[in-house]
Amino acid sequence: MLEAIEYCNGSVVQAAKLLGIGKTTLYRKLQQWKPIKSSL
């Protein structure tokens, strides 16, 4: 997910299209991933 966002120059909307998911789904997945990332 993060690589897709980087590839799209930070555009979550474009990254979601690239991944074949909706932008809301991508935002939700990022929010779910955020607490896991901070605990690493």
PDB file of N, CA and C in Angstrom:
ATOM      1  N   MET A   1       0.824  -1.192   0.000  1.00  0.00           N
ATOM      2  CA  MET A   1       0.000   0.000   0.000  1.00  0.00           C
ATOM      3  C   MET A   1       0.868   1.255   0.000  1.00  0.00           C
ATOM      4  N   LEU A   2       1.836   1.281   0.893  1.00  0.00           N
ATOM      5  CA  LEU A   2       2.673   2.474   0.984  1.00  0.00           C
ATOM      6  C   LEU A   2       3.497   2.686  -0.277  1.00  0.00           C
ATOM      7  N   GLU A   3       3.951   1.600  -0.866  1.00  0.00           N
ATOM      8  CA  GLU A   3       4.704   1.721  -2.117  1.00  0.00           C
ATOM      9  C   GLU A   3       3.825   2.290  -3.223  1.00  0.00           C
ATOM     10  N   ALA A   4       2.564   1.889  -3.247  1.00  0.00           N
ATOM     11  CA  ALA A   4       1.636   2.409  -4.255  1.00  0.00           C
ATOM     12  C   ALA A   4       1.429   3.906  -4.060  1.00  0.00           C
ATOM     13  N   ILE A   5       1.317   4.337  -2.815  1.00  0.00           N
ATOM     14  CA  ILE A   5       1.135   5.765  -2.531  1.00  0.00           C
ATOM     15  C   ILE A   5       2.387   6.543  -2.933  1.00  0.00           C
ATOM     16  N   GLU A   6       3.553   6.000  -2.625  1.00  0.00           N
ATOM     17  CA  GLU A   6       4.802   6.645  -3.035  1.00  0.00           C
ATOM     18  C   GLU A   6       4.895   6.718  -4.555  1.00  0.00           C
ATOM     19  N   TYR A   7       4.537   5.624  -5.231  1.00  0.00           N
ATOM     20  CA  TYR A   7       4.574   5.573  -6.693  1.00  0.00           C
ATOM     21  C   TYR A   7       3.669   6.647  -7.300  1.00  0.00           C
ATOM     22  N   CYS A   8       2.560   6.927  -6.617  1.00  0.00           N
ATOM     23  CA  CYS A   8       1.593   7.923  -7.098  1.00  0.00           C
ATOM     24  C   CYS A   8       1.865   9.304  -6.511  1.00  0.00           C
ATOM     25  N   ASN A   9       3.088   9.528  -6.057  1.00  0.00           N
ATOM     26  CA  ASN A   9       3.503  10.827  -5.513  1.00  0.00           C
ATOM     27  C   ASN A   9       2.613  11.303  -4.380  1.00  0.00           C
ATOM     28  N   GLY A  10       2.203  10.379  -3.527  1.00  0.00           N
ATOM     29  CA  GLY A  10       1.425  10.733  -2.345  1.00  0.00           C
ATOM     30  C   GLY A  10      -0.073  10.807  -2.563  1.00  0.00           C
ATOM     31  N   SER A  11      -0.536  10.535  -3.756  1.00  0.00           N
ATOM     32  CA  SER A  11      -1.969  10.605  -4.045  1.00  0.00           C
ATOM     33  C   SER A  11      -2.658   9.306  -3.637  1.00  0.00           C
ATOM     34  N   VAL A  12      -3.441   9.390  -2.576  1.00  0.00           N
ATOM     35  CA  VAL A  12      -4.154   8.211  -2.095  1.00  0.00           C
ATOM     36  C   VAL A  12      -5.211   7.785  -3.112  1.00  0.00           C
ATOM     37  N   VAL A  13      -5.841   8.747  -3.758  1.00  0.00           N
ATOM     38  CA  VAL A  13      -6.874   8.435  -4.753  1.00  0.00           C
ATOM     39  C   VAL A  13      -6.266   7.643  -5.909  1.00  0.00           C
ATOM     40  N   GLN A  14      -5.142   8.103  -6.433  1.00  0.00           N
ATOM     41  CA  GLN A  14      -4.490   7.391  -7.537  1.00  0.00           C
ATOM     42  C   GLN A  14      -3.972   6.034  -7.082  1.00  0.00           C
ATOM     43  N   ALA A  15      -3.436   5.971  -5.870  1.00  0.00           N
ATOM     44  CA  ALA A  15      -2.929   4.700  -5.348  1.00  0.00           C
ATOM     45  C   ALA A  15      -4.064   3.691  -5.213  1.00  0.00           C
ATOM     46  N   ALA A  16      -5.216   4.141  -4.755  1.00  0.00           N
ATOM     47  CA  ALA A  16      -6.365   3.245  -4.619  1.00  0.00           C
ATOM     48  C   ALA A  16      -6.774   2.699  -5.984  1.00  0.00           C
ATOM     49  N   LYS A  17      -6.787   3.560  -6.998  1.00  0.00           N
ATOM     50  CA  LYS A  17      -7.117   3.104  -8.354  1.00  0.00           C
ATOM     51  C   LYS A  17      -6.094   2.086  -8.838  1.00  0.00           C
ATOM     52  N   LEU A  18      -4.826   2.344  -8.568  1.00  0.00           N
ATOM     53  CA  LEU A  18      -3.760   1.429  -8.967  1.00  0.00           C
ATOM     54  C   LEU A  18      -3.928   0.068  -8.305  1.00  0.00           C
ATOM     55  N   LEU A  19      -4.344   0.070  -7.037  1.00  0.00           N
ATOM     56  CA  LEU A  19      -4.528  -1.172  -6.292  1.00  0.00           C
ATOM     57  C   LEU A  19      -5.869  -1.844  -6.584  1.00  0.00           C
ATOM     58  N   GLY A  20      -6.753  -1.121  -7.269  1.00  0.00           N
ATOM     59  CA  GLY A  20      -8.056  -1.690  -7.604  1.00  0.00           C
ATOM     60  C   GLY A  20      -9.036  -1.686  -6.451  1.00  0.00           C
ATOM     61  N   ILE A  21      -8.860  -0.736  -5.520  1.00  0.00           N
ATOM     62  CA  ILE A  21      -9.784  -0.609  -4.388  1.00  0.00           C
ATOM     63  C   ILE A  21     -10.257   0.835  -4.300  1.00  0.00           C
ATOM     64  N   GLY A  22     -11.286   1.062  -3.523  1.00  0.00           N
ATOM     65  CA  GLY A  22     -11.798   2.411  -3.339  1.00  0.00           C
ATOM     66  C   GLY A  22     -10.917   3.213  -2.404  1.00  0.00           C
ATOM     67  N   LYS A  23     -10.968   4.544  -2.544  1.00  0.00           N
ATOM     68  CA  LYS A  23     -10.127   5.377  -1.683  1.00  0.00           C
ATOM     69  C   LYS A  23     -10.527   5.245  -0.221  1.00  0.00           C
ATOM     70  N   THR A  24     -11.815   5.057   0.049  1.00  0.00           N
ATOM     71  CA  THR A  24     -12.267   4.880   1.430  1.00  0.00           C
ATOM     72  C   THR A  24     -11.685   3.609   2.019  1.00  0.00           C
ATOM     73  N   THR A  25     -11.656   2.553   1.230  1.00  0.00           N
ATOM     74  CA  THR A  25     -11.075   1.290   1.688  1.00  0.00           C
ATOM     75  C   THR A  25      -9.595   1.464   1.985  1.00  0.00           C
ATOM     76  N   LEU A  26      -8.892   2.178   1.129  1.00  0.00           N
ATOM     77  CA  LEU A  26      -7.465   2.397   1.343  1.00  0.00           C
ATOM     78  C   LEU A  26      -7.229   3.217   2.604  1.00  0.00           C
ATOM     79  N   TYR A  27      -8.015   4.285   2.792  1.00  0.00           N
ATOM     80  CA  TYR A  27      -7.889   5.081   4.016  1.00  0.00           C
ATOM     81  C   TYR A  27      -8.141   4.215   5.247  1.00  0.00           C
ATOM     82  N   ARG A  28      -9.158   3.360   5.182  1.00  0.00           N
ATOM     83  CA  ARG A  28      -9.489   2.487   6.317  1.00  0.00           C
ATOM     84  C   ARG A  28      -8.333   1.528   6.605  1.00  0.00           C
ATOM     85  N   LYS A  29      -7.766   0.944   5.557  1.00  0.00           N
ATOM     86  CA  LYS A  29      -6.645   0.023   5.745  1.00  0.00           C
ATOM     87  C   LYS A  29      -5.433   0.747   6.335  1.00  0.00           C
ATOM     88  N   LEU A  30      -5.205   1.968   5.897  1.00  0.00           N
ATOM     89  CA  LEU A  30      -4.092   2.741   6.449  1.00  0.00           C
ATOM     90  C   LEU A  30      -4.312   3.043   7.926  1.00  0.00           C
ATOM     91  N   GLN A  31      -5.544   3.358   8.305  1.00  0.00           N
ATOM     92  CA  GLN A  31      -5.851   3.625   9.710  1.00  0.00           C
ATOM     93  C   GLN A  31      -5.684   2.368  10.552  1.00  0.00           C
ATOM     94  N   GLN A  32      -6.050   1.214  10.006  1.00  0.00           N
ATOM     95  CA  GLN A  32      -5.891  -0.046  10.726  1.00  0.00           C
ATOM     96  C   GLN A  32      -4.414  -0.389  10.871  1.00  0.00           C
ATOM     97  N   TRP A  33      -3.616  -0.043   9.895  1.00  0.00           N
ATOM     98  CA  TRP A  33      -2.207  -0.377   9.882  1.00  0.00           C
ATOM     99  C   TRP A  33      -1.401   0.557  10.781  1.00  0.00           C
ATOM    100  N   LYS A  34      -1.870   1.791  10.928  1.00  0.00           N
ATOM    101  CA  LYS A  34      -1.147   2.810  11.683  1.00  0.00           C
ATOM    102  C   LYS A  34      -0.804   2.375  13.111  1.00  0.00           C
ATOM    103  N   PRO A  35      -1.740   1.835  13.903  1.00  0.00           N
ATOM    104  CA  PRO A  35      -1.380   1.410  15.262  1.00  0.00           C
ATOM    105  C   PRO A  35      -0.346   0.287  15.277  1.00  0.00           C
ATOM    106  N   ILE A  36      -0.393  -0.591  14.292  1.00  0.00           N
ATOM    107  CA  ILE A  36       0.572  -1.689  14.217  1.00  0.00           C
ATOM    108  C   ILE A  36       1.960  -1.124  13.926  1.00  0.00           C
ATOM    109  N   LYS A  37       2.034  -0.171  13.016  1.00  0.00           N
ATOM    110  CA  LYS A  37       3.309   0.424  12.637  1.00  0.00           C
ATOM    111  C   LYS A  37       3.960   1.111  13.837  1.00  0.00           C
ATOM    112  N   SER A  38       3.187   1.830  14.628  1.00  0.00           N
ATOM    113  CA  SER A  38       3.756   2.570  15.749  1.00  0.00           C
ATOM    114  C   SER A  38       4.278   1.656  16.848  1.00  0.00           C
ATOM    115  N   SER A  39       3.785   0.421  16.906  1.00  0.00           N
ATOM    116  CA  SER A  39       4.246  -0.498  17.944  1.00  0.00           C
ATOM    117  C   SER A  39       5.516  -1.242  17.541  1.00  0.00           C
ATOM    118  N   LEU A  40       5.945  -1.103  16.277  1.00  0.00           N
ATOM    119  CA  LEU A  40       7.147  -1.806  15.808  1.00  0.00           C
ATOM    120  C   LEU A  40       8.405  -1.106  16.230  1.00  0.00           C
TER     121      LEU A  40
END
